[in-house]
Amino acid sequence: MNETVEEVLARYDFTLASITKRGVAFFIDEVLLTTLFMIVLWDIVSQAQDMQQMIMITNAYVFEYMGIKILYQTVFVALYGASLGKMAVKIRVVSLADGGIPSWGASFNRALVRILSEMIFYLGFIWAMFDSGNQAWHDRSAGTIVVDA
C-alpha cells in the first residue's frame, strides 16, 4: 500500500471503504442523477416514439449530463466529503494531505477525472479493485481516499 495512504489511515484511525460499498454508492448516485435528469427532460423524452428516438434525445444531452455529474460530485464532496450515495452507505472522501474534506480544487479535479474514467470503459474504477489503497484514478489525481464514515 502507498505509504501516504497507510500513514493517513493510521494517523486518523480510518478504515478504507470496501469496493462493494463504493460500488453501491456509485449505483445510488447514478440512479438518482439519471432519474432527476429524465424528470427535467420529460417533456422531450415523452415525445420519443421508439427506442431509437429515445437514444437520440439522450445523446443530444450527454454533455449537459456530464456537466451535472461534475457539478454534483464537486459540490457534495467539497461541502460534505460525500455524495448522497456515499452518505447512504456511510463512507466519505478524505484528503491525504490532512484527513479532512477535500478542497474545492481537489473535489473538482476528482469529479473531472471520474468522468474521464467513465468515458474510458470505467478503467479508473476497475483500477481501484487492484490498488492496495482502493484508490481509483480520480482518488489518485485528487490526493484522496474513501474511508468508512
C-alpha atoms as a PDB file:
ATOM      1  CA  MET A   1       0.000   0.000   0.000  1.00  0.00           C
ATOM      2  CA  ASN A   2       1.157   3.523  -0.668  1.00  0.00           C
ATOM      3  CA  GLU A   3       2.893   4.749   2.489  1.00  0.00           C
ATOM      4  CA  THR A   4       0.977   8.003   2.422  1.00  0.00           C
ATOM      5  CA  VAL A   5      -2.308   6.083   2.482  1.00  0.00           C
ATOM      6  CA  GLU A   6      -1.035   3.878   5.318  1.00  0.00           C
ATOM      7  CA  GLU A   7       0.087   6.913   7.295  1.00  0.00           C
ATOM      8  CA  VAL A   8      -3.232   8.716   6.909  1.00  0.00           C
ATOM      9  CA  LEU A   9      -5.187   5.585   7.864  1.00  0.00           C
ATOM     10  CA  ALA A  10      -3.063   5.119  10.976  1.00  0.00           C
ATOM     11  CA  ARG A  11      -2.876   8.796  11.959  1.00  0.00           C
ATOM     12  CA  TYR A  12      -6.632   9.385  11.835  1.00  0.00           C
ATOM     13  CA  ASP A  13      -7.749   5.835  12.681  1.00  0.00           C
ATOM     14  CA  PHE A  14      -9.557   5.488   9.336  1.00  0.00           C
ATOM     15  CA  THR A  15     -10.655   2.252   7.688  1.00  0.00           C
ATOM     16  CA  LEU A  16     -10.694   2.057   3.905  1.00  0.00           C
ATOM     17  CA  ALA A  17     -14.167   1.757   2.415  1.00  0.00           C
ATOM     18  CA  SER A  18     -14.746  -1.528   0.654  1.00  0.00           C
ATOM     19  CA  ILE A  19     -15.071  -1.726  -3.099  1.00  0.00           C
ATOM     20  CA  THR A  20     -18.582  -3.110  -2.561  1.00  0.00           C
ATOM     21  CA  LYS A  21     -19.674  -0.039  -0.574  1.00  0.00           C
ATOM     22  CA  ARG A  22     -18.158   2.227  -3.197  1.00  0.00           C
ATOM     23  CA  GLY A  23     -19.997   0.337  -5.935  1.00  0.00           C
ATOM     24  CA  VAL A  24     -23.332   0.624  -4.127  1.00  0.00           C
ATOM     25  CA  ALA A  25     -22.745   4.358  -3.571  1.00  0.00           C
ATOM     26  CA  PHE A  26     -21.925   4.771  -7.266  1.00  0.00           C
ATOM     27  CA  PHE A  27     -25.129   2.941  -8.227  1.00  0.00           C
ATOM     28  CA  ILE A  28     -27.254   5.104  -5.905  1.00  0.00           C
ATOM     29  CA  ASP A  29     -25.737   8.302  -7.320  1.00  0.00           C
ATOM     30  CA  GLU A  30     -26.224   7.158 -10.914  1.00  0.00           C
ATOM     31  CA  VAL A  31     -29.867   6.211 -10.352  1.00  0.00           C
ATOM     32  CA  LEU A  32     -30.530   9.494  -8.558  1.00  0.00           C
ATOM     33  CA  LEU A  33     -28.904  11.680 -11.217  1.00  0.00           C
ATOM     34  CA  THR A  34     -30.406   9.760 -14.131  1.00  0.00           C
ATOM     35  CA  THR A  35     -33.885   9.966 -12.581  1.00  0.00           C
ATOM     36  CA  LEU A  36     -33.551  13.704 -11.972  1.00  0.00           C
ATOM     37  CA  PHE A  37     -32.223  14.264 -15.473  1.00  0.00           C
ATOM     38  CA  MET A  38     -35.112  12.308 -17.010  1.00  0.00           C
ATOM     39  CA  ILE A  39     -37.616  14.316 -14.957  1.00  0.00           C
ATOM     40  CA  VAL A  40     -36.089  17.565 -16.229  1.00  0.00           C
ATOM     41  CA  LEU A  41     -36.188  16.291 -19.816  1.00  0.00           C
ATOM     42  CA  TRP A  42     -39.578  14.570 -19.503  1.00  0.00           C
ATOM     43  CA  ASP A  43     -41.353  16.881 -21.954  1.00  0.00           C
ATOM     44  CA  ILE A  44     -38.814  15.989 -24.632  1.00  0.00           C
ATOM     45  CA  VAL A  45     -38.311  12.321 -23.698  1.00  0.00           C
ATOM     46  CA  SER A  46     -42.051  11.614 -23.574  1.00  0.00           C
ATOM     47  CA  GLN A  47     -42.348  12.593 -27.243  1.00  0.00           C
ATOM     48  CA  ALA A  48     -40.000   9.799 -28.360  1.00  0.00           C
ATOM     49  CA  GLN A  49     -41.938   7.255 -30.376  1.00  0.00           C
ATOM     50  CA  ASP A  50     -39.396   4.448 -30.285  1.00  0.00           C
ATOM     51  CA  MET A  51     -36.119   3.434 -28.629  1.00  0.00           C
ATOM     52  CA  GLN A  52     -34.023   4.948 -31.415  1.00  0.00           C
ATOM     53  CA  GLN A  53     -35.566   8.384 -30.836  1.00  0.00           C
ATOM     54  CA  MET A  54     -35.055   7.970 -27.078  1.00  0.00           C
ATOM     55  CA  ILE A  55     -31.367   7.225 -27.636  1.00  0.00           C
ATOM     56  CA  MET A  56     -31.020  10.216 -29.971  1.00  0.00           C
ATOM     57  CA  ILE A  57     -32.611  12.514 -27.382  1.00  0.00           C
ATOM     58  CA  THR A  58     -30.412  11.299 -24.533  1.00  0.00           C
ATOM     59  CA  ASN A  59     -27.295  11.510 -26.709  1.00  0.00           C
ATOM     60  CA  ALA A  60     -28.176  15.112 -27.558  1.00  0.00           C
ATOM     61  CA  TYR A  61     -27.864  15.988 -23.854  1.00  0.00           C
ATOM     62  CA  VAL A  62     -24.790  13.936 -22.948  1.00  0.00           C
ATOM     63  CA  PHE A  63     -22.583  16.976 -22.301  1.00  0.00           C
ATOM     64  CA  GLU A  64     -25.189  18.572 -20.065  1.00  0.00           C
ATOM     65  CA  TYR A  65     -25.474  15.307 -18.129  1.00  0.00           C
ATOM     66  CA  MET A  66     -21.696  15.123 -17.700  1.00  0.00           C
ATOM     67  CA  GLY A  67     -21.694  18.729 -16.503  1.00  0.00           C
ATOM     68  CA  ILE A  68     -24.367  17.959 -13.934  1.00  0.00           C
ATOM     69  CA  LYS A  69     -22.395  14.941 -12.720  1.00  0.00           C
ATOM     70  CA  ILE A  70     -19.229  17.025 -12.352  1.00  0.00           C
ATOM     71  CA  LEU A  71     -21.134  19.758 -10.505  1.00  0.00           C
ATOM     72  CA  TYR A  72     -22.889  17.219  -8.243  1.00  0.00           C
ATOM     73  CA  GLN A  73     -19.684  15.400  -7.304  1.00  0.00           C
ATOM     74  CA  THR A  74     -17.697  18.616  -6.822  1.00  0.00           C
ATOM     75  CA  VAL A  75     -20.259  20.337  -4.602  1.00  0.00           C
ATOM     76  CA  PHE A  76     -21.110  17.366  -2.414  1.00  0.00           C
ATOM     77  CA  VAL A  77     -17.514  16.236  -1.910  1.00  0.00           C
ATOM     78  CA  ALA A  78     -16.273  19.793  -1.225  1.00  0.00           C
ATOM     79  CA  LEU A  79     -19.091  20.593   1.207  1.00  0.00           C
ATOM     80  CA  TYR A  80     -19.779  17.257   2.903  1.00  0.00           C
ATOM     81  CA  GLY A  81     -16.952  14.923   1.895  1.00  0.00           C
ATOM     82  CA  ALA A  82     -19.516  12.579   0.350  1.00  0.00           C
ATOM     83  CA  SER A  83     -22.170  12.338  -2.315  1.00  0.00           C
ATOM     84  CA  LEU A  84     -25.688  11.260  -1.375  1.00  0.00           C
ATOM     85  CA  GLY A  85     -24.823   7.687  -2.366  1.00  0.00           C
ATOM     86  CA  LYS A  86     -21.738   7.713  -0.151  1.00  0.00           C
ATOM     87  CA  MET A  87     -23.756   9.155   2.720  1.00  0.00           C
ATOM     88  CA  ALA A  88     -26.317   6.355   2.309  1.00  0.00           C
ATOM     89  CA  VAL A  89     -23.665   3.633   2.678  1.00  0.00           C
ATOM     90  CA  LYS A  90     -21.741   5.592   5.330  1.00  0.00           C
ATOM     91  CA  ILE A  91     -18.489   6.260   3.516  1.00  0.00           C
ATOM     92  CA  ARG A  92     -16.706   9.533   2.779  1.00  0.00           C
ATOM     93  CA  VAL A  93     -13.875  11.066   0.808  1.00  0.00           C
ATOM     94  CA  VAL A  94     -10.903  12.453   2.735  1.00  0.00           C
ATOM     95  CA  SER A  95      -7.791  14.316   1.696  1.00  0.00           C
ATOM     96  CA  LEU A  96      -4.465  12.558   2.067  1.00  0.00           C
ATOM     97  CA  ALA A  97      -2.945  15.929   2.974  1.00  0.00           C
ATOM     98  CA  ASP A  98      -4.811  16.404   6.238  1.00  0.00           C
ATOM     99  CA  GLY A  99      -7.502  13.736   6.611  1.00  0.00           C
ATOM    100  CA  GLY A 100     -10.238  16.338   6.156  1.00  0.00           C
ATOM    101  CA  ILE A 101     -12.789  17.152   3.496  1.00  0.00           C
ATOM    102  CA  PRO A 102     -11.079  17.740   0.121  1.00  0.00           C
ATOM    103  CA  SER A 103     -10.730  21.319  -1.105  1.00  0.00           C
ATOM    104  CA  TRP A 104     -12.864  22.711  -3.910  1.00  0.00           C
ATOM    105  CA  GLY A 105      -9.966  22.288  -6.323  1.00  0.00           C
ATOM    106  CA  ALA A 106      -9.346  18.673  -5.325  1.00  0.00           C
ATOM    107  CA  SER A 107     -13.085  17.951  -5.456  1.00  0.00           C
ATOM    108  CA  PHE A 108     -13.347  19.400  -8.965  1.00  0.00           C
ATOM    109  CA  ASN A 109     -10.243  17.505 -10.079  1.00  0.00           C
ATOM    110  CA  ARG A 110     -11.708  14.301  -8.648  1.00  0.00           C
ATOM    111  CA  ALA A 111     -15.069  14.847 -10.387  1.00  0.00           C
ATOM    112  CA  LEU A 112     -13.454  15.626 -13.739  1.00  0.00           C
ATOM    113  CA  VAL A 113     -11.125  12.614 -13.710  1.00  0.00           C
ATOM    114  CA  ARG A 114     -14.063  10.475 -12.576  1.00  0.00           C
ATOM    115  CA  ILE A 115     -15.960  11.428 -15.758  1.00  0.00           C
ATOM    116  CA  LEU A 116     -12.890  10.734 -17.888  1.00  0.00           C
ATOM    117  CA  SER A 117     -12.574   7.329 -16.256  1.00  0.00           C
ATOM    118  CA  GLU A 118     -16.225   6.564 -17.059  1.00  0.00           C
ATOM    119  CA  MET A 119     -15.583   7.502 -20.685  1.00  0.00           C
ATOM    120  CA  ILE A 120     -12.663   5.054 -20.870  1.00  0.00           C
ATOM    121  CA  PHE A 121     -14.731   1.979 -20.044  1.00  0.00           C
ATOM    122  CA  TYR A 122     -14.583   2.627 -16.278  1.00  0.00           C
ATOM    123  CA  LEU A 123     -10.900   1.635 -16.218  1.00  0.00           C
ATOM    124  CA  GLY A 124     -10.150   4.047 -13.387  1.00  0.00           C
ATOM    125  CA  PHE A 125     -12.793   2.376 -11.252  1.00  0.00           C
ATOM    126  CA  ILE A 126     -11.501  -1.093 -12.102  1.00  0.00           C
ATOM    127  CA  TRP A 127      -8.034   0.119 -11.106  1.00  0.00           C
ATOM    128  CA  ALA A 128      -9.283   0.601  -7.526  1.00  0.00           C
ATOM    129  CA  MET A 129     -10.073  -3.109  -7.277  1.00  0.00           C
ATOM    130  CA  PHE A 130      -6.390  -3.924  -7.685  1.00  0.00           C
ATOM    131  CA  ASP A 131      -4.933  -0.958  -5.805  1.00  0.00           C
ATOM    132  CA  SER A 132      -3.813  -1.647  -2.235  1.00  0.00           C
ATOM    133  CA  GLY A 133      -5.321   1.665  -1.092  1.00  0.00           C
ATOM    134  CA  ASN A 134      -8.518   1.144  -3.115  1.00  0.00           C
ATOM    135  CA  GLN A 135      -7.702   4.370  -4.941  1.00  0.00           C
ATOM    136  CA  ALA A 136      -9.371   4.885  -8.303  1.00  0.00           C
ATOM    137  CA  TRP A 137      -7.750   7.228 -10.823  1.00  0.00           C
ATOM    138  CA  HIS A 138      -9.853  10.115  -9.568  1.00  0.00           C
ATOM    139  CA  ASP A 139      -8.658   9.482  -5.993  1.00  0.00           C
ATOM    140  CA  ARG A 140      -5.021   9.385  -7.067  1.00  0.00           C
ATOM    141  CA  SER A 141      -5.267  12.572  -9.122  1.00  0.00           C
ATOM    142  CA  ALA A 142      -7.005  14.474  -6.309  1.00  0.00           C
ATOM    143  CA  GLY A 143      -4.930  13.057  -3.445  1.00  0.00           C
ATOM    144  CA  THR A 144      -7.911  11.451  -1.728  1.00  0.00           C
ATOM    145  CA  ILE A 145      -9.049   8.141  -0.290  1.00  0.00           C
ATOM    146  CA  VAL A 146     -12.515   6.834   0.521  1.00  0.00           C
ATOM    147  CA  VAL A 147     -12.999   5.659   4.101  1.00  0.00           C
ATOM    148  CA  ASP A 148     -15.784   4.366   6.309  1.00  0.00           C
ATOM    149  CA  ALA A 149     -17.643   7.255   7.943  1.00  0.00           C
END
